[in-house]
Amino acid sequence: MSNRIDNLLAQWLETKDQLQWVLATIISTEGSSYRKAGAMMMINGAGQYFGLLSGGCLESDIMRQARRCWDDGRNRIIKYDMREEEDLAWQLGIGCGGMVEILLQPVNQANDYLYLEALDQQLKCNRAAGYKQNITQALPANQLITEPSQIRQLTTGKQGEGDSASFYHIIEPAPCIAVFGGGVDARPVVAIAAELGWQVILCDSRMAYAREGYFNGAQSIYRQPFGELSSASWLPTLDAALVLTHNVKLDGEALKLLQYSNVKYVGLLGPLHRTERVMQSADLLAESLNFKLANPVGLRLGGELPESIALSMLAEVHAFLEKTDALSISQVLD
């Protein structure tokens, strides 16, 4: 189960009125911490939690503290400081060396469920939302911001003082990735992407490919010729695509289809000389493409197994979407 907020909301919605619930949100950090400001977790009265705010070290105490929210229906702010020997986090032996501040809020009908239902609908429509949480020791008074121009002006973090203090962050829908080609090597691609919480669209018109029982992580499977998908509702929402049909003509048709999308990253399997053949088959020029074409696709992770290749490809997609350089953090590979 992914730790993305849309998956947490799905767990909450099933029993939102049958169980007591608390939303836990990291509102500030200093130094080293497992998750950063904006990370969320859902806690219920059955002793379950969904999502992680630490590496599993603090969750039991966070759940204990969350129960106090049900007594008076008010916000509660807790802080764990791994820098202080007297702090509980130090006593637990976590040793991350940083501080994390967490806002706990009860979720119930009286506070409009913190507008989490509306947030869920916004994400299901593949639209981002701004989320405002009051961070005083008062009754929750959250707000959902859906106007794109207002969302663009937001920055994650605390704003205001005293009774007007709030925490703002932008919540994006899960990335949507299309995988063209439903062969055996696509199975780990779909599985890993689904584990990341991404929306996965699988496309392959060939009868023996893209069989549903082998691709349970795909939200949708399309078996039409690629040329018939130009009006598909998911096409404008694509964040990335991987083209791995192992067929020059089909790869070319996939690239032509993606010209109708808003996708920014497309990975194409195979060496450069094959890419030239694919482009020729589709009567496309590299300079005419509306997206960045990664070919050959993937990072140099090594390994020859399909799982290794899938990890290599998705690692590059992940780095592109997160706008990072994909370099070693420790520089141990230098």
Protein backbone atom coordinates (compact mmCIF):
# COMPACT_ATOMS: atom_id res chain seq x y z
CA MET A 1 0.00 0.00 0.00
CA SER A 2 1.42 3.34 -1.09
CA ASN A 3 1.89 6.15 1.45
CA ARG A 4 0.50 8.74 -0.95
CA ILE A 5 -2.36 10.83 0.44
CA ASP A 6 -4.90 9.49 -2.09
CA ASN A 7 -4.32 5.96 -0.80
CA LEU A 8 -4.62 7.12 2.79
CA LEU A 9 -7.91 8.81 1.95
CA ALA A 10 -9.20 5.61 0.34
CA GLN A 11 -8.58 3.75 3.60
CA TRP A 12 -10.30 6.47 5.61
CA LEU A 13 -13.37 6.75 3.37
CA GLU A 14 -14.28 3.09 3.90
CA THR A 15 -15.01 3.62 7.61
CA LYS A 16 -15.06 7.39 8.08
CA ASP A 17 -18.24 7.26 10.20
CA GLN A 18 -17.74 3.84 11.78
CA LEU A 19 -14.41 4.63 13.46
CA GLN A 20 -12.83 7.65 15.11
CA TRP A 21 -10.07 9.15 12.97
CA VAL A 22 -7.18 11.57 13.34
CA LEU A 23 -5.16 13.25 10.60
CA ALA A 24 -1.49 13.66 11.52
CA THR A 25 0.57 16.14 9.48
CA ILE A 26 4.21 17.12 9.78
CA ILE A 27 4.22 20.92 9.92
CA SER A 28 7.93 21.58 10.45
CA THR A 29 11.28 19.85 10.65
CA GLU A 30 14.83 20.85 11.53
CA GLY A 31 17.91 18.85 10.76
CA SER A 32 17.59 15.24 9.67
CA SER A 33 14.14 13.64 9.54
CA TYR A 34 12.58 10.68 7.73
CA ARG A 35 9.71 12.70 6.19
CA LYS A 36 9.43 16.41 5.52
CA ALA A 37 6.75 19.05 6.13
CA GLY A 38 3.46 18.12 4.49
CA ALA A 39 3.73 14.36 5.05
CA MET A 40 0.47 12.88 6.38
CA MET A 41 -0.78 9.85 8.26
CA MET A 42 -4.33 8.66 9.09
CA ILE A 43 -5.00 7.03 12.48
CA ASN A 44 -8.20 5.31 13.61
CA GLY A 45 -9.73 4.12 16.86
CA ALA A 46 -9.14 0.47 15.99
CA GLY A 47 -5.43 0.99 16.52
CA GLN A 48 -4.58 1.17 12.80
CA TYR A 49 -2.53 3.76 11.00
CA PHE A 50 -1.98 4.37 7.32
CA GLY A 51 1.10 6.18 6.11
CA LEU A 52 4.41 6.87 7.83
CA LEU A 53 5.77 10.03 9.43
CA SER A 54 8.96 8.35 10.64
CA GLY A 55 10.62 5.09 9.79
CA GLY A 56 8.19 3.33 12.13
CA CYS A 57 9.97 4.61 15.25
CA LEU A 58 7.48 7.25 16.40
CA GLU A 59 4.20 5.87 15.09
CA SER A 60 3.13 4.07 18.27
CA ASP A 61 3.59 7.22 20.37
CA ILE A 62 1.91 9.39 17.72
CA MET A 63 -1.11 7.06 17.92
CA ARG A 64 -1.16 7.34 21.70
CA GLN A 65 -1.07 11.13 21.52
CA ALA A 66 -3.72 11.17 18.78
CA ARG A 67 -6.30 9.59 21.08
CA ARG A 68 -6.40 12.81 23.10
CA CYS A 69 -7.91 14.59 20.10
CA TRP A 70 -11.06 12.52 20.48
CA ASP A 71 -11.60 13.73 24.03
CA ASP A 72 -12.23 17.38 23.15
CA GLY A 73 -12.26 17.48 19.33
CA ARG A 74 -9.40 19.97 19.27
CA ASN A 75 -6.07 20.20 17.50
CA ARG A 76 -2.97 18.94 19.24
CA ILE A 77 0.66 19.72 18.37
CA ILE A 78 3.43 17.35 19.39
CA LYS A 79 7.16 17.66 18.89
CA TYR A 80 9.94 15.10 18.82
CA ASP A 81 13.45 16.47 19.11
CA MET A 82 16.17 13.89 18.50
CA ARG A 83 18.76 16.50 19.51
CA GLU A 84 17.67 16.67 23.15
CA GLU A 85 18.63 13.87 25.54
CA GLU A 86 15.54 14.52 27.66
CA ASP A 87 13.17 14.14 24.70
CA LEU A 88 11.18 10.95 24.15
CA ALA A 89 12.61 10.58 20.65
CA TRP A 90 16.13 10.44 22.10
CA GLN A 91 15.02 7.89 24.69
CA LEU A 92 13.57 5.72 21.93
CA GLY A 93 17.03 5.57 20.40
CA ILE A 94 15.99 6.99 17.04
CA GLY A 95 19.14 9.02 16.65
CA CYS A 96 18.19 10.87 13.43
CA GLY A 97 19.53 14.03 14.99
CA GLY A 98 16.66 16.29 13.95
CA MET A 99 13.33 17.71 15.10
CA VAL A 100 9.86 17.00 13.77
CA GLU A 101 6.68 18.88 14.73
CA ILE A 102 3.35 17.17 14.07
CA LEU A 103 -0.20 18.52 13.97
CA LEU A 104 -2.93 16.09 15.10
CA GLN A 105 -6.52 16.83 14.06
CA PRO A 106 -9.68 14.81 14.72
CA VAL A 107 -11.66 14.03 11.57
CA ASN A 108 -15.43 14.01 11.99
CA GLN A 109 -18.69 15.36 10.66
CA ALA A 110 -18.66 18.26 13.11
CA ASN A 111 -15.54 19.72 11.43
CA ASP A 112 -16.68 18.82 7.88
CA TYR A 113 -14.21 15.92 7.85
CA LEU A 114 -11.45 18.54 7.45
CA TYR A 115 -12.58 18.82 3.79
CA LEU A 116 -10.84 15.53 3.08
CA GLU A 117 -13.80 14.30 1.01
CA ALA A 118 -13.46 17.32 -1.27
CA LEU A 119 -9.70 16.80 -1.41
CA ASP A 120 -10.25 13.18 -2.44
CA GLN A 121 -12.55 14.26 -5.28
CA GLN A 122 -10.06 16.88 -6.44
CA LEU A 123 -7.29 14.30 -6.65
CA LYS A 124 -9.54 11.78 -8.41
CA CYS A 125 -10.13 14.42 -11.07
CA ASN A 126 -6.33 14.71 -11.46
CA ARG A 127 -6.28 18.23 -10.11
CA ALA A 128 -3.92 19.67 -7.54
CA ALA A 129 -5.24 21.35 -4.41
CA GLY A 130 -3.97 23.74 -1.81
CA TYR A 131 -4.60 22.66 1.77
CA LYS A 132 -4.71 25.07 4.70
CA GLN A 133 -4.66 23.77 8.28
CA ASN A 134 -5.00 25.96 11.35
CA ILE A 135 -2.16 25.09 13.71
CA THR A 136 -3.46 26.51 16.97
CA GLN A 137 -4.68 24.41 19.89
CA ALA A 138 -8.24 25.10 18.77
CA LEU A 139 -11.02 23.34 16.93
CA PRO A 140 -9.92 22.38 13.41
CA ALA A 141 -10.81 24.92 10.72
CA ASN A 142 -9.14 23.65 7.58
CA GLN A 143 -9.68 24.96 4.08
CA LEU A 144 -9.33 23.46 0.61
CA ILE A 145 -8.04 25.74 -2.15
CA THR A 146 -8.95 24.67 -5.69
CA GLU A 147 -8.48 27.80 -7.78
CA PRO A 148 -5.32 27.17 -9.90
CA SER A 149 -4.16 30.80 -9.71
CA GLN A 150 -4.33 30.71 -5.90
CA ILE A 151 -2.58 27.34 -5.72
CA ARG A 152 0.33 28.67 -7.77
CA GLN A 153 0.89 31.40 -5.19
CA LEU A 154 1.20 28.95 -2.29
CA THR A 155 4.40 27.81 -0.64
CA THR A 156 4.66 24.90 1.77
CA GLY A 157 5.14 25.98 5.37
CA LYS A 158 3.79 27.90 8.32
CA GLN A 159 2.26 31.32 7.87
CA GLY A 160 0.78 33.82 10.32
CA GLU A 161 1.06 34.14 14.08
CA GLY A 162 -1.08 33.41 17.11
CA ASP A 163 -4.69 32.48 16.43
CA SER A 164 -4.19 33.00 12.68
CA ALA A 165 -1.24 30.63 12.37
CA SER A 166 -1.73 28.12 9.56
CA PHE A 167 0.17 25.49 7.65
CA TYR A 168 -0.13 25.49 3.85
CA HIS A 169 0.92 22.89 1.33
CA ILE A 170 0.13 21.85 -2.21
CA ILE A 171 -1.18 18.33 -2.70
CA GLU A 172 -0.64 16.92 -6.18
CA PRO A 173 -2.51 13.97 -7.71
CA ALA A 174 -0.54 10.77 -8.13
CA PRO A 175 1.67 10.83 -11.24
CA CYS A 176 0.04 9.21 -14.27
CA ILE A 177 2.28 7.01 -16.41
CA ALA A 178 1.39 5.15 -19.61
CA VAL A 179 3.20 1.93 -20.45
CA PHE A 180 3.05 0.95 -24.13
CA GLY A 181 3.76 -2.74 -24.45
CA GLY A 182 2.33 -5.50 -22.32
CA GLY A 183 5.01 -8.16 -22.59
CA VAL A 184 6.61 -10.09 -19.75
CA ASP A 185 9.19 -7.37 -19.16
CA ALA A 186 6.41 -4.82 -18.56
CA ARG A 187 5.13 -6.74 -15.54
CA PRO A 188 7.75 -5.42 -13.05
CA VAL A 189 7.39 -1.94 -14.56
CA VAL A 190 3.67 -1.86 -13.80
CA ALA A 191 4.15 -3.51 -10.40
CA ILE A 192 6.83 -1.08 -9.21
CA ALA A 193 4.97 1.98 -10.51
CA ALA A 194 1.82 0.81 -8.74
CA GLU A 195 3.78 0.27 -5.51
CA LEU A 196 4.91 3.89 -5.77
CA GLY A 197 1.24 4.87 -5.83
CA TRP A 198 1.30 6.07 -9.44
CA GLN A 199 -1.64 5.80 -11.79
CA VAL A 200 -0.67 3.25 -14.45
CA ILE A 201 -2.23 3.01 -17.92
CA LEU A 202 -1.25 -0.07 -19.95
CA CYS A 203 -1.67 -0.13 -23.72
CA ASP A 204 -1.14 -3.00 -26.16
CA SER A 205 -3.43 -4.07 -29.01
CA ARG A 206 -1.86 -7.52 -29.45
CA MET A 207 -4.08 -10.39 -28.35
CA ALA A 208 -1.45 -12.31 -26.37
CA TYR A 209 -0.19 -9.24 -24.49
CA ALA A 210 -1.37 -7.08 -21.56
CA ARG A 211 -3.33 -9.87 -19.93
CA GLU A 212 -5.21 -8.54 -16.90
CA GLY A 213 -4.19 -11.26 -14.44
CA TYR A 214 -0.54 -10.32 -14.91
CA PHE A 215 -0.97 -6.55 -14.51
CA ASN A 216 -3.08 -6.05 -11.39
CA GLY A 217 -1.34 -2.76 -10.69
CA ALA A 218 -2.70 -1.11 -13.84
CA GLN A 219 -5.74 1.12 -13.34
CA SER A 220 -6.76 0.63 -16.96
CA ILE A 221 -5.73 -1.62 -19.83
CA TYR A 222 -6.39 -0.57 -23.43
CA ARG A 223 -6.26 -3.08 -26.26
CA GLN A 224 -7.12 -0.80 -29.17
CA PRO A 225 -4.59 0.18 -31.81
CA PHE A 226 -2.66 3.16 -30.49
CA GLY A 227 -4.01 5.39 -33.24
CA GLU A 228 -7.53 4.97 -31.84
CA LEU A 229 -6.62 6.39 -28.44
CA SER A 230 -6.09 10.02 -29.47
CA SER A 231 -9.29 11.10 -27.68
CA ALA A 232 -8.70 9.03 -24.53
CA SER A 233 -9.57 11.01 -21.40
CA TRP A 234 -6.30 10.09 -19.69
CA LEU A 235 -4.05 11.34 -22.48
CA PRO A 236 -4.00 15.01 -21.37
CA THR A 237 -3.23 13.96 -17.78
CA LEU A 238 -0.07 11.97 -18.54
CA ASP A 239 3.08 12.88 -16.65
CA ALA A 240 5.32 10.26 -18.25
CA ALA A 241 5.27 7.34 -20.67
CA LEU A 242 7.44 4.30 -21.34
CA VAL A 243 7.44 2.76 -24.80
CA LEU A 244 8.55 -0.87 -24.76
CA THR A 245 6.59 -2.89 -27.31
CA HIS A 246 9.80 -4.34 -28.84
CA ASN A 247 8.21 -3.60 -32.21
CA VAL A 248 9.52 -0.73 -34.34
CA LYS A 249 6.17 0.07 -35.97
CA LEU A 250 4.21 -0.05 -32.70
CA ASP A 251 6.78 2.06 -30.91
CA GLY A 252 6.43 4.65 -33.66
CA GLU A 253 2.64 4.63 -33.33
CA ALA A 254 2.99 5.16 -29.59
CA LEU A 255 5.22 8.20 -30.13
CA LYS A 256 2.74 9.64 -32.63
CA LEU A 257 -0.08 9.19 -30.12
CA LEU A 258 1.91 10.89 -27.39
CA GLN A 259 2.16 13.98 -29.59
CA TYR A 260 -1.52 14.52 -28.66
CA SER A 261 -0.75 14.48 -24.94
CA ASN A 262 0.76 16.91 -22.45
CA VAL A 263 3.43 14.42 -21.40
CA LYS A 264 6.86 15.88 -20.64
CA TYR A 265 8.93 12.69 -20.42
CA VAL A 266 8.87 9.66 -22.73
CA GLY A 267 11.30 6.78 -22.35
CA LEU A 268 12.01 4.56 -25.36
CA LEU A 269 13.62 1.16 -24.98
CA GLY A 270 16.50 0.20 -27.26
CA PRO A 271 19.75 1.64 -28.67
CA LEU A 272 20.06 4.88 -30.64
CA HIS A 273 20.20 3.25 -34.07
CA ARG A 274 16.87 1.56 -33.32
CA THR A 275 15.38 4.88 -32.26
CA GLU A 276 16.18 6.26 -35.70
CA ARG A 277 14.20 3.43 -37.28
CA VAL A 278 11.29 4.05 -34.92
CA MET A 279 11.22 7.74 -35.82
CA GLN A 280 11.37 6.98 -39.52
CA SER A 281 8.51 4.49 -39.28
CA ALA A 282 6.32 7.16 -37.69
CA ASP A 283 7.53 9.94 -40.01
CA LEU A 284 8.67 11.94 -36.98
CA LEU A 285 11.62 14.23 -36.43
CA ALA A 286 13.32 14.56 -33.07
CA GLU A 287 13.00 18.35 -33.16
CA SER A 288 9.25 18.09 -33.78
CA LEU A 289 8.49 16.13 -30.63
CA ASN A 290 6.43 17.87 -27.94
CA PHE A 291 8.22 16.05 -25.13
CA LYS A 292 11.67 15.07 -23.94
CA LEU A 293 12.61 11.68 -25.35
CA ALA A 294 14.88 9.55 -23.17
CA ASN A 295 16.62 7.01 -25.38
CA PRO A 296 17.98 4.67 -24.41
CA VAL A 297 15.74 4.95 -21.35
CA GLY A 298 16.96 4.46 -17.80
CA LEU A 299 19.78 5.10 -15.35
CA ARG A 300 23.01 3.10 -15.28
CA LEU A 301 22.11 0.88 -12.34
CA GLY A 302 23.52 -2.33 -13.75
CA GLY A 303 21.77 -5.69 -13.83
CA GLU A 304 20.22 -7.58 -16.70
CA LEU A 305 17.04 -9.00 -15.16
CA PRO A 306 13.67 -7.52 -16.19
CA GLU A 307 13.25 -6.29 -12.62
CA SER A 308 16.58 -4.45 -12.78
CA ILE A 309 15.71 -2.88 -16.11
CA ALA A 310 12.29 -1.83 -14.78
CA LEU A 311 13.94 -0.24 -11.75
CA SER A 312 16.40 1.59 -13.99
CA MET A 313 13.64 3.04 -16.14
CA LEU A 314 11.35 4.04 -13.31
CA ALA A 315 14.24 5.54 -11.34
CA GLU A 316 14.86 7.92 -14.23
CA VAL A 317 11.15 8.75 -14.51
CA HIS A 318 11.03 9.39 -10.75
CA ALA A 319 14.05 11.69 -10.87
CA PHE A 320 12.57 13.61 -13.81
CA LEU A 321 9.20 14.10 -12.10
CA GLU A 322 10.86 15.17 -8.85
CA LYS A 323 13.27 17.47 -10.71
CA THR A 324 16.37 15.92 -9.15
CA ASP A 325 19.76 14.90 -10.54
CA ALA A 326 19.62 11.20 -9.54
CA LEU A 327 23.17 11.35 -8.13
CA SER A 328 24.40 9.35 -5.16
CA ILE A 329 23.59 11.12 -1.89
CA SER A 330 26.68 9.75 -0.16
CA GLN A 331 28.88 10.01 -3.29
CA VAL A 332 30.02 6.47 -2.55
CA LEU A 333 29.89 5.78 -6.29
CA ASP A 334 32.33 8.55 -7.16
